[in-house]
Amino acid sequence: MSVLLETSAGDIVIDLLVDYAPKLCENFLKLCKIKYYNFSPVYNVQKDFSFQTGDPVGPDSKDSDGGTSIWGHIGGNAKRTFPAEIHPKLKHAERGTVSMATVQSQRDPDERLAGSQFIITLGDNLDFLDGKAAIFGKVVEGFDALEKINEAFCDERGRPLVDVRIKHTVVLDDPYDDPPGLVEPPESPLPTKAQLATVRIGEDDNLEEENDVAAIEKQRREREARAQALTLEMVGDLPFAEVKPPENVLFVCKLNPVTTDEDLELIFSRFGKILSCEVIRDKRTGDSLQYSFIEYEDQASCEQAYFKMQGVLIDDHRIHVDFSQSVSKLSDSWRTATNSKRRQGGGGFGGVSGLEKKRQYKAAEYGGGSRRDRYGMVYDEEEMRRRHEREGKYDSERRERSRSRSPQQERRYHDDGERRGGGRDRDGRDRYDDRDRDRRRGDGYRGR
């Protein structure tokens, strides 16, 4: 007695153990005969362990009732389950063992009930299932299909991302009489609306048929950008990975080194009110790095300047204009607020109300401070002066400590010299001889 399961992963032939589990085999055969399993999804895939199927809709659907036995299908919900036969000699020792999924009976703890769901093992010696799943057959053909299911990409609940389904069932040999009321359909039924609603990615779907080289490269760049943003969030350079650059700030480059902030502000102010105009300069020499940031009061003025000023000649240099991608100013504000709250013991994410997912740039929150410290690109002169003062003070203190010795150190040198050199100093000279020589020299001077 055998059954053929035509699945999207390949054909599987199951031999039924009628002598050991006649009731389980009859239930499975009749369900296959009425095409109950057609379009049933494979779910709960556990690599090198087992997979489960037999629920026509699948456990992910709200329309699922968990499946029913052949007697429940004919006689109603009261007969949806039946007592499972668990033979003590049948073990889940071989790959491809087929067994009914069971649950414990509420009336008798020693009794287990089965319905329509069944399990096929994907590994050997799975004694964990012994006594919990009722064995009724074994796979004799189609182990390549089992391997495909075993290697399928699945979500956290074991559902394959690309659907694996039972497309058709064929009863090769049926020794049982049909129960009263069983009606065999003349042809395989079409999938129901509830079944079609559970389709994720069909077996015939080509995931890359619409993707050309440019689209694939764009997707790769987007994934890489998201990964880099997440890294910056982890190291604290960004408030969060989804942070967006401001929409009212222009980035202007290819400037002439002689162009100043006032020049740019005068030229770009005809498009709208400018909140800040800043040429970025070298932190040591103060020379222009030939790019700048121009912040407008509103986004419309920024967009107008972008379209009108592209390629304009300023101080004999043809400039390039683009929308700013820098979030340095926003990050500085977030970091300052976060450190302030931590110092106050308040904790929290950052306390900046302007940190929004889509529009996260609030110009009103960045008032004050000198012009050059707003984008965090350079060090201002005050900060550099304080740093040099701290470093100079540290070096002078270190040199002073190296020159001076405490009285204890002097005493230690004196004692060591007496022990080692008999009253000689560190240069090897006799200190007492030097003292006598000085005394005689002094006497000679007094005699004159």
Protein backbone atom coordinates (compact mmCIF):
# COMPACT_ATOMS: atom_id res chain seq x y z
CA MET A 1 0.00 0.00 0.00
CA SER A 2 1.59 3.22 -1.19
CA VAL A 3 0.84 6.87 -1.82
CA LEU A 4 2.55 9.31 -4.20
CA LEU A 5 2.87 12.92 -3.05
CA GLU A 6 3.62 15.35 -5.88
CA THR A 7 5.25 18.36 -4.23
CA SER A 8 6.88 21.51 -5.55
CA ALA A 9 10.20 20.07 -4.30
CA GLY A 10 9.73 16.75 -6.12
CA ASP A 11 7.78 13.48 -5.92
CA ILE A 12 7.72 11.47 -2.69
CA VAL A 13 6.52 7.85 -2.50
CA ILE A 14 5.39 6.60 0.91
CA ASP A 15 4.89 2.93 1.83
CA LEU A 16 2.23 2.47 4.53
CA LEU A 17 2.71 0.13 7.50
CA VAL A 18 -0.82 -1.25 7.49
CA ASP A 19 -0.05 -4.18 9.80
CA TYR A 20 1.26 -1.90 12.59
CA ALA A 21 -1.04 1.14 12.27
CA PRO A 22 -4.20 0.25 10.29
CA LYS A 23 -6.32 3.13 11.58
CA LEU A 24 -3.65 5.74 10.84
CA CYS A 25 -3.05 4.31 7.36
CA GLU A 26 -6.80 4.29 6.54
CA ASN A 27 -7.13 7.93 7.61
CA PHE A 28 -4.15 8.99 5.51
CA LEU A 29 -5.20 7.01 2.43
CA LYS A 30 -8.76 8.35 2.40
CA LEU A 31 -7.62 11.95 2.90
CA CYS A 32 -5.29 11.52 -0.07
CA LYS A 33 -8.14 9.97 -2.07
CA ILE A 34 -10.47 12.97 -1.62
CA LYS A 35 -7.54 15.34 -2.46
CA TYR A 36 -7.69 16.87 1.01
CA TYR A 37 -3.94 17.56 1.02
CA ASN A 38 -3.85 19.35 -2.34
CA PHE A 39 -2.04 22.72 -2.08
CA SER A 40 -1.19 22.10 1.58
CA PRO A 41 1.96 24.04 2.56
CA VAL A 42 5.07 22.54 4.12
CA TYR A 43 5.85 24.27 7.43
CA ASN A 44 7.78 23.84 10.66
CA VAL A 45 10.93 22.80 8.79
CA GLN A 46 13.74 21.97 11.21
CA LYS A 47 17.00 21.26 9.42
CA ASP A 48 18.25 17.68 9.80
CA PHE A 49 15.26 16.92 12.04
CA SER A 50 11.80 16.99 10.42
CA PHE A 51 9.16 18.97 8.56
CA GLN A 52 5.40 19.06 9.01
CA THR A 53 2.44 19.40 6.64
CA GLY A 54 -1.16 18.23 6.36
CA ASP A 55 -3.01 21.44 7.30
CA PRO A 56 -4.65 22.51 3.99
CA VAL A 57 -4.41 26.22 4.84
CA GLY A 58 -1.39 26.25 7.13
CA PRO A 59 -0.98 27.40 10.74
CA ASP A 60 -0.15 30.98 9.68
CA SER A 61 -3.69 31.63 8.42
CA LYS A 62 -6.52 32.82 10.66
CA ASP A 63 -8.83 30.52 8.65
CA SER A 64 -6.92 27.40 9.71
CA ASP A 65 -8.67 24.85 11.94
CA GLY A 66 -5.59 22.64 12.25
CA GLY A 67 -6.92 20.00 9.87
CA THR A 68 -9.38 17.17 10.38
CA SER A 69 -9.46 13.40 10.03
CA ILE A 70 -11.43 11.67 7.27
CA TRP A 71 -14.21 10.85 9.76
CA GLY A 72 -14.40 14.47 10.87
CA HIS A 73 -14.53 15.56 7.23
CA ILE A 74 -17.56 13.32 6.69
CA GLY A 75 -19.28 13.36 10.09
CA GLY A 76 -18.55 16.82 11.50
CA ASN A 77 -16.34 18.53 14.05
CA ALA A 78 -17.07 16.00 16.82
CA LYS A 79 -15.00 13.40 14.95
CA ARG A 80 -12.22 15.75 13.91
CA THR A 81 -9.59 13.72 15.83
CA PHE A 82 -9.27 10.05 16.69
CA PRO A 83 -7.09 7.96 19.05
CA ALA A 84 -3.66 7.39 17.51
CA GLU A 85 -1.99 3.99 17.45
CA ILE A 86 1.58 4.22 18.74
CA HIS A 87 3.25 0.87 18.20
CA PRO A 88 6.16 0.22 20.60
CA LYS A 89 8.28 -1.45 17.91
CA LEU A 90 8.15 1.50 15.52
CA LYS A 91 10.89 4.07 16.12
CA HIS A 92 12.04 7.24 14.35
CA ALA A 93 15.37 5.62 13.54
CA GLU A 94 15.64 6.32 9.80
CA ARG A 95 15.40 9.38 7.64
CA GLY A 96 12.07 9.50 5.83
CA THR A 97 9.97 8.05 8.66
CA VAL A 98 6.34 9.25 8.29
CA SER A 99 4.18 9.73 11.37
CA MET A 100 1.01 11.53 12.40
CA ALA A 101 1.35 14.60 14.60
CA THR A 102 -0.56 14.01 17.83
CA VAL A 103 -1.77 15.91 20.89
CA GLN A 104 -2.52 14.68 24.38
CA SER A 105 -6.15 13.87 25.08
CA GLN A 106 -7.83 16.05 27.69
CA ARG A 107 -9.86 13.09 28.97
CA ASP A 108 -7.04 10.56 29.22
CA PRO A 109 -3.41 11.74 29.71
CA ASP A 110 -2.13 8.41 28.35
CA GLU A 111 -4.07 8.77 25.10
CA ARG A 112 -2.91 10.83 22.11
CA LEU A 113 -5.16 12.13 19.34
CA ALA A 114 -4.39 12.55 15.61
CA GLY A 115 -6.07 14.49 12.83
CA SER A 116 -4.63 15.20 9.38
CA GLN A 117 -1.19 16.71 10.02
CA PHE A 118 1.81 14.44 9.51
CA ILE A 119 5.59 14.62 9.94
CA ILE A 120 8.43 13.32 7.78
CA THR A 121 11.85 13.07 9.42
CA LEU A 122 14.97 14.62 7.86
CA GLY A 123 17.52 12.88 10.07
CA ASP A 124 18.32 9.53 11.71
CA ASN A 125 17.80 8.35 15.29
CA LEU A 126 15.27 10.99 16.31
CA ASP A 127 14.14 9.28 19.50
CA PHE A 128 12.68 12.59 20.72
CA LEU A 129 9.63 11.91 18.54
CA ASP A 130 9.10 8.38 19.86
CA GLY A 131 5.89 8.24 21.83
CA LYS A 132 4.81 11.71 20.63
CA ALA A 133 4.27 11.12 16.89
CA ALA A 134 2.44 8.00 15.63
CA ILE A 135 4.44 6.22 12.88
CA PHE A 136 2.42 4.79 9.95
CA GLY A 137 4.80 4.77 6.95
CA LYS A 138 8.23 5.45 5.47
CA VAL A 139 9.58 7.17 2.38
CA VAL A 140 10.90 4.75 -0.24
CA GLU A 141 11.44 7.18 -3.12
CA GLY A 142 12.04 10.93 -3.29
CA PHE A 143 14.93 11.52 -0.90
CA ASP A 144 16.19 14.25 -3.23
CA ALA A 145 12.92 16.10 -2.54
CA LEU A 146 13.52 15.69 1.19
CA GLU A 147 16.98 17.16 0.77
CA LYS A 148 15.58 20.20 -1.06
CA ILE A 149 13.12 20.80 1.77
CA ASN A 150 15.90 20.32 4.32
CA GLU A 151 18.04 22.99 2.60
CA ALA A 152 15.19 25.48 2.04
CA PHE A 153 15.53 29.03 3.41
CA CYS A 154 13.02 29.41 6.23
CA ASP A 155 11.82 32.13 8.59
CA GLU A 156 12.08 31.94 12.37
CA ARG A 157 9.00 29.69 12.55
CA GLY A 158 10.32 27.18 10.01
CA ARG A 159 8.15 28.31 7.07
CA PRO A 160 10.06 28.20 3.75
CA LEU A 161 10.34 31.64 2.15
CA VAL A 162 9.69 30.07 -1.25
CA ASP A 163 6.52 27.99 -0.91
CA VAL A 164 6.85 24.21 -0.80
CA ARG A 165 3.40 22.64 -1.25
CA ILE A 166 1.72 19.32 -1.94
CA LYS A 167 0.39 19.79 -5.46
CA HIS A 168 -1.32 16.42 -5.92
CA THR A 169 -1.79 13.06 -4.19
CA VAL A 170 -2.13 9.69 -5.93
CA VAL A 171 -3.22 6.52 -4.08
CA LEU A 172 -1.23 3.68 -5.62
CA ASP A 173 -2.87 0.87 -3.61
CA ASP A 174 -5.88 1.06 -1.26
CA PRO A 175 -6.98 -2.07 0.64
CA TYR A 176 -9.70 -0.27 2.68
CA ASP A 177 -13.36 0.15 1.88
CA ASP A 178 -14.58 3.72 1.66
CA PRO A 179 -16.41 4.89 4.80
CA PRO A 180 -20.09 5.82 4.35
CA GLY A 181 -20.49 9.31 2.97
CA LEU A 182 -17.08 9.58 1.31
CA VAL A 183 -17.24 11.24 -2.09
CA GLU A 184 -14.18 11.15 -4.33
CA PRO A 185 -13.88 14.29 -6.48
CA PRO A 186 -13.75 13.65 -10.24
CA GLU A 187 -10.69 15.89 -10.58
CA SER A 188 -8.27 17.79 -8.41
CA PRO A 189 -9.96 20.83 -6.84
CA LEU A 190 -8.60 24.33 -7.37
CA PRO A 191 -6.91 26.11 -4.44
CA THR A 192 -9.32 27.97 -2.20
CA LYS A 193 -9.19 31.72 -1.59
CA ALA A 194 -7.82 31.11 1.92
CA GLN A 195 -5.04 28.91 0.52
CA LEU A 196 -4.06 31.45 -2.13
CA ALA A 197 -3.88 34.15 0.55
CA THR A 198 -1.06 32.27 2.29
CA VAL A 199 1.24 32.17 -0.76
CA ARG A 200 4.54 33.96 -0.16
CA ILE A 201 6.80 33.32 -3.14
CA GLY A 202 5.46 30.78 -5.59
CA GLU A 203 7.63 28.05 -7.03
CA ASP A 204 7.31 29.56 -10.52
CA ASP A 205 8.21 33.10 -9.45
CA ASN A 206 11.49 34.31 -10.91
CA LEU A 207 12.89 36.72 -8.39
CA GLU A 208 15.34 38.32 -10.83
CA GLU A 209 13.39 38.40 -14.09
CA GLU A 210 12.76 42.15 -13.84
CA ASN A 211 16.12 43.06 -12.36
CA ASP A 212 18.72 44.34 -14.79
CA VAL A 213 22.35 44.99 -13.92
CA ALA A 214 21.69 48.59 -12.87
CA ALA A 215 18.83 47.58 -10.54
CA ILE A 216 20.91 44.84 -8.92
CA GLU A 217 23.79 47.27 -8.39
CA LYS A 218 21.38 49.80 -6.87
CA GLN A 219 20.07 47.20 -4.43
CA ARG A 220 23.62 46.24 -3.50
CA ARG A 221 24.54 49.86 -2.80
CA GLU A 222 21.42 50.36 -0.68
CA ARG A 223 22.19 47.28 1.41
CA GLU A 224 25.79 48.42 1.83
CA ALA A 225 24.67 51.91 2.86
CA ARG A 226 22.27 50.50 5.45
CA ALA A 227 25.01 48.28 6.87
CA GLN A 228 27.43 51.23 7.12
CA ALA A 229 24.78 53.40 8.77
CA LEU A 230 24.11 50.67 11.33
CA THR A 231 27.83 50.49 12.07
CA LEU A 232 27.98 54.26 12.66
CA GLU A 233 24.99 53.98 14.97
CA MET A 234 26.72 51.23 16.97
CA VAL A 235 29.89 53.29 17.46
CA GLY A 236 27.89 56.40 18.39
CA ASP A 237 28.55 58.58 15.33
CA LEU A 238 24.85 58.63 14.37
CA PRO A 239 21.78 58.92 16.62
CA PHE A 240 20.23 56.02 14.68
CA ALA A 241 20.80 54.34 11.34
CA GLU A 242 17.70 55.86 9.69
CA VAL A 243 18.81 59.45 10.28
CA LYS A 244 18.27 61.66 7.22
CA PRO A 245 20.32 64.67 6.09
CA PRO A 246 18.69 68.13 6.22
CA GLU A 247 16.50 69.19 3.34
CA ASN A 248 17.33 72.90 3.43
CA VAL A 249 21.15 72.79 3.25
CA LEU A 250 23.23 73.01 0.07
CA PHE A 251 26.70 71.60 -0.45
CA VAL A 252 28.83 73.80 -2.71
CA CYS A 253 32.26 72.67 -3.90
CA LYS A 254 35.01 73.54 -6.44
CA LEU A 255 35.25 76.99 -4.91
CA ASN A 256 38.10 79.40 -5.50
CA PRO A 257 40.32 79.53 -2.36
CA VAL A 258 39.83 83.29 -2.20
CA THR A 259 36.01 83.01 -1.99
CA THR A 260 34.79 83.93 1.49
CA ASP A 261 31.65 83.26 3.51
CA GLU A 262 30.39 86.77 2.84
CA ASP A 263 30.84 86.36 -0.92
CA LEU A 264 28.79 83.18 -1.05
CA GLU A 265 26.11 84.53 1.24
CA LEU A 266 25.70 87.62 -0.92
CA ILE A 267 25.43 85.55 -4.13
CA PHE A 268 23.07 82.86 -2.80
CA SER A 269 20.86 85.19 -0.74
CA ARG A 270 18.81 86.15 -3.80
CA PHE A 271 17.00 82.79 -3.58
CA GLY A 272 15.80 83.22 -0.01
CA LYS A 273 16.77 83.92 3.56
CA ILE A 274 20.07 82.25 4.57
CA LEU A 275 20.48 81.06 8.14
CA SER A 276 24.18 80.25 7.84
CA CYS A 277 26.83 80.24 5.12
CA GLU A 278 30.10 78.55 5.97
CA VAL A 279 33.25 77.89 3.94
CA ILE A 280 35.06 74.93 5.53
CA ARG A 281 38.68 75.69 6.32
CA ASP A 282 41.78 73.79 7.39
CA LYS A 283 41.94 73.60 11.17
CA ARG A 284 45.66 74.50 11.30
CA THR A 285 46.33 76.95 8.50
CA GLY A 286 42.86 78.43 8.08
CA ASP A 287 43.04 77.96 4.30
CA SER A 288 39.82 77.27 2.43
CA LEU A 289 39.15 73.61 1.59
CA GLN A 290 37.11 74.88 -1.37
CA TYR A 291 33.70 73.61 -0.27
CA SER A 292 30.96 75.06 1.88
CA PHE A 293 27.50 74.55 3.41
CA ILE A 294 24.66 77.03 2.86
CA GLU A 295 21.61 76.66 5.10
CA TYR A 296 18.34 78.22 3.96
CA GLU A 297 15.33 79.04 6.07
CA ASP A 298 13.00 76.88 3.93
CA GLN A 299 13.36 73.94 1.57
CA ALA A 300 11.88 75.72 -1.47
CA SER A 301 14.67 78.31 -1.49
CA CYS A 302 17.25 75.53 -1.22
CA GLU A 303 15.77 73.69 -4.21
CA GLN A 304 15.63 76.86 -6.31
CA ALA A 305 19.28 77.62 -5.58
CA TYR A 306 20.21 74.05 -6.52
CA PHE A 307 18.65 74.33 -9.98
CA LYS A 308 19.87 77.88 -10.69
CA MET A 309 23.45 77.80 -9.38
CA GLN A 310 24.73 74.57 -10.90
CA GLY A 311 27.88 75.33 -12.92
CA VAL A 312 27.87 79.07 -12.19
CA LEU A 313 31.22 80.87 -12.46
CA ILE A 314 32.34 82.41 -9.12
CA ASP A 315 35.81 83.97 -8.85
CA ASP A 316 36.88 82.24 -12.09
CA HIS A 317 35.85 78.82 -10.72
CA ARG A 318 32.81 76.93 -12.02
CA ILE A 319 31.13 75.61 -8.89
CA HIS A 320 29.24 72.38 -8.32
CA VAL A 321 26.06 72.46 -6.20
CA ASP A 322 24.30 69.52 -4.56
CA PHE A 323 22.04 68.84 -1.60
CA SER A 324 23.94 68.26 1.62
CA GLN A 325 24.39 64.68 2.81
CA SER A 326 26.10 65.68 6.05
CA VAL A 327 24.43 64.92 9.38
CA SER A 328 27.39 66.16 11.41
CA LYS A 329 25.53 69.16 12.80
CA LEU A 330 22.59 67.00 13.84
CA SER A 331 24.89 64.40 15.39
CA ASP A 332 26.75 67.06 17.38
CA SER A 333 23.47 68.38 18.76
CA TRP A 334 22.31 64.87 19.66
CA ARG A 335 25.64 63.96 21.26
CA THR A 336 25.74 67.18 23.31
CA ALA A 337 22.21 66.67 24.58
CA THR A 338 22.91 63.01 25.40
CA ASN A 339 26.08 63.80 27.36
CA SER A 340 24.28 66.58 29.20
CA LYS A 341 21.50 64.26 30.31
CA ARG A 342 24.00 61.61 31.37
CA ARG A 343 25.91 64.12 33.48
CA GLN A 344 22.65 65.11 35.12
CA GLY A 345 21.79 61.47 35.77
CA GLY A 346 18.72 61.66 33.56
CA GLY A 347 19.72 59.02 31.00
CA GLY A 348 17.53 58.72 27.93
CA PHE A 349 18.08 58.64 24.17
CA GLY A 350 19.15 62.19 23.67
CA GLY A 351 16.33 64.52 24.52
CA VAL A 352 16.31 66.21 21.11
CA SER A 353 12.74 66.67 19.91
CA GLY A 354 13.89 67.19 16.32
CA LEU A 355 15.11 63.60 15.91
CA GLU A 356 12.45 62.33 13.54
CA LYS A 357 12.55 59.42 11.12
CA LYS A 358 11.86 61.42 7.97
CA ARG A 359 12.64 65.06 8.72
CA GLN A 360 15.19 65.36 11.46
CA TYR A 361 16.70 68.78 10.99
CA LYS A 362 15.36 71.58 13.17
CA ALA A 363 17.20 74.81 12.53
CA ALA A 364 15.73 76.49 15.61
CA GLU A 365 17.55 74.10 17.92
CA TYR A 366 21.04 74.96 16.74
CA GLY A 367 21.25 78.60 17.69
CA GLY A 368 24.29 80.14 19.32
CA GLY A 369 27.94 79.33 18.96
CA SER A 370 30.44 80.57 16.46
CA ARG A 371 29.93 80.05 12.77
CA ARG A 372 32.72 77.53 12.26
CA ASP A 373 31.67 75.03 14.91
CA ARG A 374 28.24 74.25 13.58
CA TYR A 375 29.04 71.40 11.22
CA GLY A 376 31.78 69.86 13.32
CA MET A 377 34.21 69.86 10.41
CA VAL A 378 37.03 71.91 11.99
CA TYR A 379 38.29 72.97 15.39
CA ASP A 380 37.75 76.59 16.27
CA GLU A 381 40.56 78.82 17.52
CA GLU A 382 39.34 78.87 21.11
CA GLU A 383 39.34 75.11 21.35
CA MET A 384 42.82 74.83 19.82
CA ARG A 385 44.15 77.47 22.24
CA ARG A 386 42.77 75.60 25.27
CA ARG A 387 44.23 72.35 23.99
CA HIS A 388 47.71 73.88 23.54
CA GLU A 389 47.53 75.42 27.01
CA ARG A 390 46.64 72.05 28.54
CA GLU A 391 49.42 70.28 26.65
CA GLY A 392 51.98 73.00 27.53
CA LYS A 393 51.04 72.92 31.21
CA TYR A 394 51.33 69.15 31.26
CA ASP A 395 54.79 69.21 29.62
CA SER A 396 56.12 71.89 32.01
CA GLU A 397 54.88 69.98 35.05
CA ARG A 398 56.49 66.80 33.77
CA ARG A 399 59.82 68.53 33.22
CA GLU A 400 59.65 70.14 36.67
CA ARG A 401 59.02 66.78 38.30
CA SER A 402 61.96 65.26 36.44
CA ARG A 403 64.34 68.01 37.71
CA SER A 404 63.26 68.12 41.35
CA ARG A 405 63.75 65.52 44.06
CA SER A 406 62.26 65.21 47.45
CA PRO A 407 64.41 65.31 50.68
CA GLN A 408 63.92 61.58 51.02
CA GLN A 409 65.47 61.04 47.59
CA GLU A 410 68.46 63.27 48.49
CA ARG A 411 68.98 61.39 51.73
CA ARG A 412 68.78 58.10 49.87
CA TYR A 413 71.46 59.22 47.40
CA HIS A 414 73.69 60.43 50.29
CA ASP A 415 73.38 57.15 52.21
CA ASP A 416 73.94 55.07 49.12
CA GLY A 417 77.02 57.04 48.24
CA GLU A 418 78.50 56.51 51.66
CA ARG A 419 77.81 52.79 51.54
CA ARG A 420 79.06 52.29 48.02
CA GLY A 421 81.85 54.80 47.61
CA GLY A 422 82.98 55.71 51.11
CA GLY A 423 81.72 59.26 51.04
CA ARG A 424 81.94 59.78 47.29
CA ASP A 425 79.22 61.46 45.28
CA ARG A 426 77.65 60.09 42.10
CA ASP A 427 80.44 61.46 39.92
CA GLY A 428 83.04 59.47 41.86
CA ARG A 429 84.65 62.47 43.61
CA ASP A 430 85.44 62.57 47.31
CA ARG A 431 83.07 65.06 48.89
CA TYR A 432 85.32 65.54 51.94
CA ASP A 433 88.32 66.40 49.76
CA ASP A 434 86.26 69.01 47.96
CA ARG A 435 85.16 70.47 51.29
CA ASP A 436 88.78 70.76 52.57
CA ARG A 437 89.87 72.30 49.30
CA ASP A 438 87.16 74.94 49.57
CA ARG A 439 88.08 75.67 53.17
CA ARG A 440 91.77 76.18 52.31
CA ARG A 441 90.84 78.35 49.37
CA GLY A 442 88.67 80.45 51.67
CA ASP A 443 91.42 80.83 54.21
CA GLY A 444 93.81 81.96 51.53
CA TYR A 445 91.37 84.66 50.43
CA ARG A 446 90.93 85.87 53.96
CA GLY A 447 94.70 86.05 54.44
CA ARG A 448 95.03 88.34 51.47
